[in-house]
Amino acid sequence: MALGRMITGFITVVVGASLVPTLVTVITSATTNMGNMTSAAQLLELTVLFFALGVMIAGVGTAVSGLVEYGLI
């Protein structure tokens, strides 16, 4: 089961990393059409950061729990 958790963690990171360019494209097109709402555009641009951090935390946490089950950490 620990190997399954490690593989799940790595798949989570790969899928999340492959979705980041699509998310950046959507966020960029949304912020260019906002006009003079600069604070809203800045908050919307932070979406990419929080998405990347969430994917990283989920993937690494899952992989580390698999390593702990194996006794490597």
PDB file of N, CA and C in Angstrom:
ATOM      1  N   MET A   1       0.817  -1.203   0.000  1.00  0.00           N
ATOM      2  CA  MET A   1       0.000   0.000   0.000  1.00  0.00           C
ATOM      3  C   MET A   1       0.856   1.260   0.000  1.00  0.00           C
ATOM      4  N   ALA A   2       2.045   1.173   0.574  1.00  0.00           N
ATOM      5  CA  ALA A   2       2.913   2.346   0.632  1.00  0.00           C
ATOM      6  C   ALA A   2       3.387   2.748  -0.756  1.00  0.00           C
ATOM      7  N   LEU A   3       3.646   1.754  -1.607  1.00  0.00           N
ATOM      8  CA  LEU A   3       4.054   2.057  -2.976  1.00  0.00           C
ATOM      9  C   LEU A   3       2.929   2.768  -3.715  1.00  0.00           C
ATOM     10  N   GLY A   4       1.709   2.367  -3.452  1.00  0.00           N
ATOM     11  CA  GLY A   4       0.553   3.030  -4.058  1.00  0.00           C
ATOM     12  C   GLY A   4       0.442   4.480  -3.649  1.00  0.00           C
ATOM     13  N   ARG A   5       0.735   4.762  -2.394  1.00  0.00           N
ATOM     14  CA  ARG A   5       0.695   6.155  -1.922  1.00  0.00           C
ATOM     15  C   ARG A   5       1.790   6.992  -2.573  1.00  0.00           C
ATOM     16  N   MET A   6       2.976   6.403  -2.718  1.00  0.00           N
ATOM     17  CA  MET A   6       4.064   7.153  -3.351  1.00  0.00           C
ATOM     18  C   MET A   6       3.735   7.437  -4.816  1.00  0.00           C
ATOM     19  N   ILE A   7       3.207   6.448  -5.509  1.00  0.00           N
ATOM     20  CA  ILE A   7       2.840   6.648  -6.910  1.00  0.00           C
ATOM     21  C   ILE A   7       1.721   7.676  -7.024  1.00  0.00           C
ATOM     22  N   THR A   8       0.747   7.623  -6.113  1.00  0.00           N
ATOM     23  CA  THR A   8      -0.328   8.608  -6.118  1.00  0.00           C
ATOM     24  C   THR A   8       0.204  10.019  -5.909  1.00  0.00           C
ATOM     25  N   GLY A   9       1.169  10.177  -5.023  1.00  0.00           N
ATOM     26  CA  GLY A   9       1.765  11.486  -4.788  1.00  0.00           C
ATOM     27  C   GLY A   9       2.471  12.016  -6.017  1.00  0.00           C
ATOM     28  N   PHE A  10       3.225  11.155  -6.685  1.00  0.00           N
ATOM     29  CA  PHE A  10       3.940  11.610  -7.876  1.00  0.00           C
ATOM     30  C   PHE A  10       2.984  11.903  -9.028  1.00  0.00           C
ATOM     31  N   ILE A  11       1.919  11.111  -9.167  1.00  0.00           N
ATOM     32  CA  ILE A  11       0.931  11.380 -10.206  1.00  0.00           C
ATOM     33  C   ILE A  11       0.212  12.703  -9.926  1.00  0.00           C
ATOM     34  N   THR A  12      -0.076  12.979  -8.665  1.00  0.00           N
ATOM     35  CA  THR A  12      -0.707  14.249  -8.304  1.00  0.00           C
ATOM     36  C   THR A  12       0.153  15.426  -8.724  1.00  0.00           C
ATOM     37  N   VAL A  13       1.444  15.343  -8.474  1.00  0.00           N
ATOM     38  CA  VAL A  13       2.349  16.431  -8.842  1.00  0.00           C
ATOM     39  C   VAL A  13       2.424  16.581 -10.358  1.00  0.00           C
ATOM     40  N   VAL A  14       2.500  15.478 -11.085  1.00  0.00           N
ATOM     41  CA  VAL A  14       2.612  15.546 -12.550  1.00  0.00           C
ATOM     42  C   VAL A  14       1.342  16.129 -13.170  1.00  0.00           C
ATOM     43  N   VAL A  15       0.184  15.664 -12.723  1.00  0.00           N
ATOM     44  CA  VAL A  15      -1.074  16.184 -13.271  1.00  0.00           C
ATOM     45  C   VAL A  15      -1.258  17.657 -12.906  1.00  0.00           C
ATOM     46  N   GLY A  16      -0.949  18.012 -11.673  1.00  0.00           N
ATOM     47  CA  GLY A  16      -1.059  19.413 -11.267  1.00  0.00           C
ATOM     48  C   GLY A  16      -0.117  20.315 -12.037  1.00  0.00           C
ATOM     49  N   ALA A  17       1.108  19.846 -12.262  1.00  0.00           N
ATOM     50  CA  ALA A  17       2.074  20.651 -13.018  1.00  0.00           C
ATOM     51  C   ALA A  17       1.656  20.793 -14.476  1.00  0.00           C
ATOM     52  N   SER A  18       1.005  19.783 -15.025  1.00  0.00           N
ATOM     53  CA  SER A  18       0.559  19.897 -16.407  1.00  0.00           C
ATOM     54  C   SER A  18      -0.651  20.820 -16.551  1.00  0.00           C
ATOM     55  N   LEU A  19      -1.399  21.037 -15.477  1.00  0.00           N
ATOM     56  CA  LEU A  19      -2.548  21.942 -15.519  1.00  0.00           C
ATOM     57  C   LEU A  19      -2.189  23.408 -15.289  1.00  0.00           C
ATOM     58  N   VAL A  20      -1.002  23.683 -14.788  1.00  0.00           N
ATOM     59  CA  VAL A  20      -0.608  25.059 -14.484  1.00  0.00           C
ATOM     60  C   VAL A  20      -0.596  25.952 -15.725  1.00  0.00           C
ATOM     61  N   PRO A  21      -0.029  25.536 -16.880  1.00  0.00           N
ATOM     62  CA  PRO A  21      -0.063  26.439 -18.048  1.00  0.00           C
ATOM     63  C   PRO A  21      -1.476  26.802 -18.498  1.00  0.00           C
ATOM     64  N   THR A  22      -2.406  25.849 -18.421  1.00  0.00           N
ATOM     65  CA  THR A  22      -3.796  26.146 -18.779  1.00  0.00           C
ATOM     66  C   THR A  22      -4.390  27.158 -17.818  1.00  0.00           C
ATOM     67  N   LEU A  23      -4.116  26.985 -16.542  1.00  0.00           N
ATOM     68  CA  LEU A  23      -4.610  27.916 -15.539  1.00  0.00           C
ATOM     69  C   LEU A  23      -4.020  29.309 -15.746  1.00  0.00           C
ATOM     70  N   VAL A  24      -2.741  29.387 -16.079  1.00  0.00           N
ATOM     71  CA  VAL A  24      -2.102  30.682 -16.320  1.00  0.00           C
ATOM     72  C   VAL A  24      -2.739  31.381 -17.515  1.00  0.00           C
ATOM     73  N   THR A  25      -3.035  30.629 -18.567  1.00  0.00           N
ATOM     74  CA  THR A  25      -3.667  31.216 -19.751  1.00  0.00           C
ATOM     75  C   THR A  25      -5.043  31.779 -19.422  1.00  0.00           C
ATOM     76  N   VAL A  26      -5.821  31.041 -18.668  1.00  0.00           N
ATOM     77  CA  VAL A  26      -7.162  31.500 -18.304  1.00  0.00           C
ATOM     78  C   VAL A  26      -7.090  32.722 -17.400  1.00  0.00           C
ATOM     79  N   ILE A  27      -6.215  32.698 -16.427  1.00  0.00           N
ATOM     80  CA  ILE A  27      -6.087  33.828 -15.500  1.00  0.00           C
ATOM     81  C   ILE A  27      -5.588  35.068 -16.235  1.00  0.00           C
ATOM     82  N   THR A  28      -4.641  34.905 -17.153  1.00  0.00           N
ATOM     83  CA  THR A  28      -4.116  36.043 -17.903  1.00  0.00           C
ATOM     84  C   THR A  28      -5.201  36.677 -18.765  1.00  0.00           C
ATOM     85  N   SER A  29      -5.995  35.857 -19.436  1.00  0.00           N
ATOM     86  CA  SER A  29      -7.067  36.420 -20.261  1.00  0.00           C
ATOM     87  C   SER A  29      -8.133  37.094 -19.402  1.00  0.00           C
ATOM     88  N   ALA A  30      -8.374  36.569 -18.217  1.00  0.00           N
ATOM     89  CA  ALA A  30      -9.365  37.181 -17.328  1.00  0.00           C
ATOM     90  C   ALA A  30      -8.869  38.512 -16.765  1.00  0.00           C
ATOM     91  N   THR A  31      -7.587  38.594 -16.448  1.00  0.00           N
ATOM     92  CA  THR A  31      -7.076  39.840 -15.860  1.00  0.00           C
ATOM     93  C   THR A  31      -6.887  40.931 -16.898  1.00  0.00           C
ATOM     94  N   THR A  32      -6.651  40.586 -18.156  1.00  0.00           N
ATOM     95  CA  THR A  32      -6.501  41.636 -19.172  1.00  0.00           C
ATOM     96  C   THR A  32      -7.828  42.290 -19.504  1.00  0.00           C
ATOM     97  N   ASN A  33      -8.928  41.609 -19.275  1.00  0.00           N
ATOM     98  CA  ASN A  33     -10.252  42.162 -19.579  1.00  0.00           C
ATOM     99  C   ASN A  33     -10.900  42.853 -18.389  1.00  0.00           C
ATOM    100  N   MET A  34     -10.164  43.038 -17.287  1.00  0.00           N
ATOM    101  CA  MET A  34     -10.758  43.629 -16.091  1.00  0.00           C
ATOM    102  C   MET A  34     -10.754  45.151 -16.101  1.00  0.00           C
ATOM    103  N   GLY A  35      -9.995  45.756 -16.961  1.00  0.00           N
ATOM    104  CA  GLY A  35      -9.984  47.211 -17.010  1.00  0.00           C
ATOM    105  C   GLY A  35      -9.191  47.809 -15.870  1.00  0.00           C
ATOM    106  N   ASN A  36      -9.845  48.663 -15.080  1.00  0.00           N
ATOM    107  CA  ASN A  36      -9.137  49.389 -14.028  1.00  0.00           C
ATOM    108  C   ASN A  36      -9.252  48.745 -12.653  1.00  0.00           C
ATOM    109  N   MET A  37      -9.701  47.519 -12.569  1.00  0.00           N
ATOM    110  CA  MET A  37      -9.822  46.839 -11.271  1.00  0.00           C
ATOM    111  C   MET A  37      -8.502  46.135 -10.958  1.00  0.00           C
ATOM    112  N   THR A  38      -7.496  46.910 -10.576  1.00  0.00           N
ATOM    113  CA  THR A  38      -6.159  46.347 -10.406  1.00  0.00           C
ATOM    114  C   THR A  38      -6.056  45.439  -9.185  1.00  0.00           C
ATOM    115  N   SER A  39      -6.742  45.793  -8.095  1.00  0.00           N
ATOM    116  CA  SER A  39      -6.638  44.947  -6.901  1.00  0.00           C
ATOM    117  C   SER A  39      -7.300  43.595  -7.139  1.00  0.00           C
ATOM    118  N   ALA A  40      -8.411  43.581  -7.854  1.00  0.00           N
ATOM    119  CA  ALA A  40      -9.063  42.312  -8.169  1.00  0.00           C
ATOM    120  C   ALA A  40      -8.185  41.480  -9.103  1.00  0.00           C
ATOM    121  N   ALA A  41      -7.516  42.132 -10.042  1.00  0.00           N
ATOM    122  CA  ALA A  41      -6.631  41.414 -10.958  1.00  0.00           C
ATOM    123  C   ALA A  41      -5.451  40.811 -10.213  1.00  0.00           C
ATOM    124  N   GLN A  42      -4.905  41.543  -9.243  1.00  0.00           N
ATOM    125  CA  GLN A  42      -3.787  41.020  -8.467  1.00  0.00           C
ATOM    126  C   GLN A  42      -4.209  39.821  -7.626  1.00  0.00           C
ATOM    127  N   LEU A  43      -5.386  39.885  -7.038  1.00  0.00           N
ATOM    128  CA  LEU A  43      -5.881  38.747  -6.255  1.00  0.00           C
ATOM    129  C   LEU A  43      -6.144  37.544  -7.147  1.00  0.00           C
ATOM    130  N   LEU A  44      -6.633  37.791  -8.351  1.00  0.00           N
ATOM    131  CA  LEU A  44      -6.900  36.697  -9.270  1.00  0.00           C
ATOM    132  C   LEU A  44      -5.611  36.032  -9.734  1.00  0.00           C
ATOM    133  N   GLU A  45      -4.552  36.819  -9.878  1.00  0.00           N
ATOM    134  CA  GLU A  45      -3.266  36.250 -10.281  1.00  0.00           C
ATOM    135  C   GLU A  45      -2.664  35.360  -9.199  1.00  0.00           C
ATOM    136  N   LEU A  46      -3.047  35.568  -7.951  1.00  0.00           N
ATOM    137  CA  LEU A  46      -2.552  34.722  -6.860  1.00  0.00           C
ATOM    138  C   LEU A  46      -3.153  33.317  -6.899  1.00  0.00           C
ATOM    139  N   THR A  47      -4.183  33.127  -7.704  1.00  0.00           N
ATOM    140  CA  THR A  47      -4.809  31.814  -7.836  1.00  0.00           C
ATOM    141  C   THR A  47      -3.801  30.775  -8.300  1.00  0.00           C
ATOM    142  N   VAL A  48      -2.939  31.147  -9.234  1.00  0.00           N
ATOM    143  CA  VAL A  48      -1.936  30.212  -9.749  1.00  0.00           C
ATOM    144  C   VAL A  48      -0.977  29.799  -8.635  1.00  0.00           C
ATOM    145  N   LEU A  49      -0.555  30.745  -7.829  1.00  0.00           N
ATOM    146  CA  LEU A  49       0.346  30.447  -6.726  1.00  0.00           C
ATOM    147  C   LEU A  49      -0.288  29.472  -5.747  1.00  0.00           C
ATOM    148  N   PHE A  50      -1.533  29.740  -5.355  1.00  0.00           N
ATOM    149  CA  PHE A  50      -2.188  28.875  -4.380  1.00  0.00           C
ATOM    150  C   PHE A  50      -2.491  27.498  -4.966  1.00  0.00           C
ATOM    151  N   PHE A  51      -2.796  27.429  -6.255  1.00  0.00           N
ATOM    152  CA  PHE A  51      -3.015  26.142  -6.897  1.00  0.00           C
ATOM    153  C   PHE A  51      -1.729  25.332  -6.894  1.00  0.00           C
ATOM    154  N   ALA A  52      -0.622  25.969  -7.273  1.00  0.00           N
ATOM    155  CA  ALA A  52       0.656  25.263  -7.312  1.00  0.00           C
ATOM    156  C   ALA A  52       1.080  24.810  -5.913  1.00  0.00           C
ATOM    157  N   LEU A  53       0.893  25.658  -4.925  1.00  0.00           N
ATOM    158  CA  LEU A  53       1.235  25.269  -3.556  1.00  0.00           C
ATOM    159  C   LEU A  53       0.360  24.116  -3.065  1.00  0.00           C
ATOM    160  N   GLY A  54      -0.922  24.157  -3.378  1.00  0.00           N
ATOM    161  CA  GLY A  54      -1.819  23.087  -2.970  1.00  0.00           C
ATOM    162  C   GLY A  54      -1.468  21.753  -3.604  1.00  0.00           C
ATOM    163  N   VAL A  55      -1.141  21.784  -4.888  1.00  0.00           N
ATOM    164  CA  VAL A  55      -0.746  20.549  -5.571  1.00  0.00           C
ATOM    165  C   VAL A  55       0.549  20.015  -4.988  1.00  0.00           C
ATOM    166  N   MET A  56       1.492  20.913  -4.736  1.00  0.00           N
ATOM    167  CA  MET A  56       2.774  20.482  -4.193  1.00  0.00           C
ATOM    168  C   MET A  56       2.594  19.872  -2.796  1.00  0.00           C
ATOM    169  N   ILE A  57       1.826  20.513  -1.957  1.00  0.00           N
ATOM    170  CA  ILE A  57       1.619  20.010  -0.594  1.00  0.00           C
ATOM    171  C   ILE A  57       0.896  18.665  -0.619  1.00  0.00           C
ATOM    172  N   ALA A  58      -0.126  18.543  -1.468  1.00  0.00           N
ATOM    173  CA  ALA A  58      -0.871  17.281  -1.541  1.00  0.00           C
ATOM    174  C   ALA A  58       0.003  16.155  -2.071  1.00  0.00           C
ATOM    175  N   GLY A  59       0.741  16.419  -3.139  1.00  0.00           N
ATOM    176  CA  GLY A  59       1.579  15.375  -3.726  1.00  0.00           C
ATOM    177  C   GLY A  59       2.721  14.960  -2.842  1.00  0.00           C
ATOM    178  N   VAL A  60       3.418  15.925  -2.299  1.00  0.00           N
ATOM    179  CA  VAL A  60       4.567  15.614  -1.444  1.00  0.00           C
ATOM    180  C   VAL A  60       4.106  14.965  -0.144  1.00  0.00           C
ATOM    181  N   GLY A  61       3.002  15.434   0.411  1.00  0.00           N
ATOM    182  CA  GLY A  61       2.484  14.820   1.634  1.00  0.00           C
ATOM    183  C   GLY A  61       2.094  13.376   1.438  1.00  0.00           C
ATOM    184  N   THR A  62       1.476  13.077   0.304  1.00  0.00           N
ATOM    185  CA  THR A  62       1.096  11.701   0.016  1.00  0.00           C
ATOM    186  C   THR A  62       2.325  10.827  -0.198  1.00  0.00           C
ATOM    187  N   ALA A  63       3.297  11.341  -0.954  1.00  0.00           N
ATOM    188  CA  ALA A  63       4.518  10.571  -1.196  1.00  0.00           C
ATOM    189  C   ALA A  63       5.301  10.335   0.099  1.00  0.00           C
ATOM    190  N   VAL A  64       5.372  11.339   0.948  1.00  0.00           N
ATOM    191  CA  VAL A  64       6.102  11.195   2.214  1.00  0.00           C
ATOM    192  C   VAL A  64       5.410  10.181   3.120  1.00  0.00           C
ATOM    193  N   SER A  65       4.073  10.166   3.123  1.00  0.00           N
ATOM    194  CA  SER A  65       3.390   9.167   3.954  1.00  0.00           C
ATOM    195  C   SER A  65       3.675   7.756   3.465  1.00  0.00           C
ATOM    196  N   GLY A  66       3.844   7.598   2.155  1.00  0.00           N
ATOM    197  CA  GLY A  66       4.245   6.292   1.630  1.00  0.00           C
ATOM    198  C   GLY A  66       5.655   5.924   2.049  1.00  0.00           C
ATOM    199  N   LEU A  67       6.561   6.907   2.040  1.00  0.00           N
ATOM    200  CA  LEU A  67       7.938   6.639   2.486  1.00  0.00           C
ATOM    201  C   LEU A  67       8.002   6.312   3.971  1.00  0.00           C
ATOM    202  N   VAL A  68       7.136   6.934   4.748  1.00  0.00           N
ATOM    203  CA  VAL A  68       7.099   6.639   6.177  1.00  0.00           C
ATOM    204  C   VAL A  68       6.639   5.202   6.418  1.00  0.00           C
ATOM    205  N   GLU A  69       5.677   4.744   5.623  1.00  0.00           N
ATOM    206  CA  GLU A  69       5.218   3.361   5.771  1.00  0.00           C
ATOM    207  C   GLU A  69       6.318   2.361   5.445  1.00  0.00           C
ATOM    208  N   TYR A  70       7.165   2.710   4.487  1.00  0.00           N
ATOM    209  CA  TYR A  70       8.294   1.838   4.145  1.00  0.00           C
ATOM    210  C   TYR A  70       9.403   1.912   5.188  1.00  0.00           C
ATOM    211  N   GLY A  71       9.383   2.955   6.009  1.00  0.00           N
ATOM    212  CA  GLY A  71      10.427   3.118   7.017  1.00  0.00           C
ATOM    213  C   GLY A  71      11.642   3.877   6.503  1.00  0.00           C
ATOM    214  N   LEU A  72      11.510   4.547   5.370  1.00  0.00           N
ATOM    215  CA  LEU A  72      12.629   5.300   4.819  1.00  0.00           C
ATOM    216  C   LEU A  72      12.766   6.682   5.419  1.00  0.00           C
ATOM    217  N   ILE A  73      11.720   7.135   6.086  1.00  0.00           N
ATOM    218  CA  ILE A  73      11.790   8.456   6.760  1.00  0.00           C
ATOM    219  C   ILE A  73      11.393   8.242   8.208  1.00  0.00           C
TER     220      ILE A  73
END
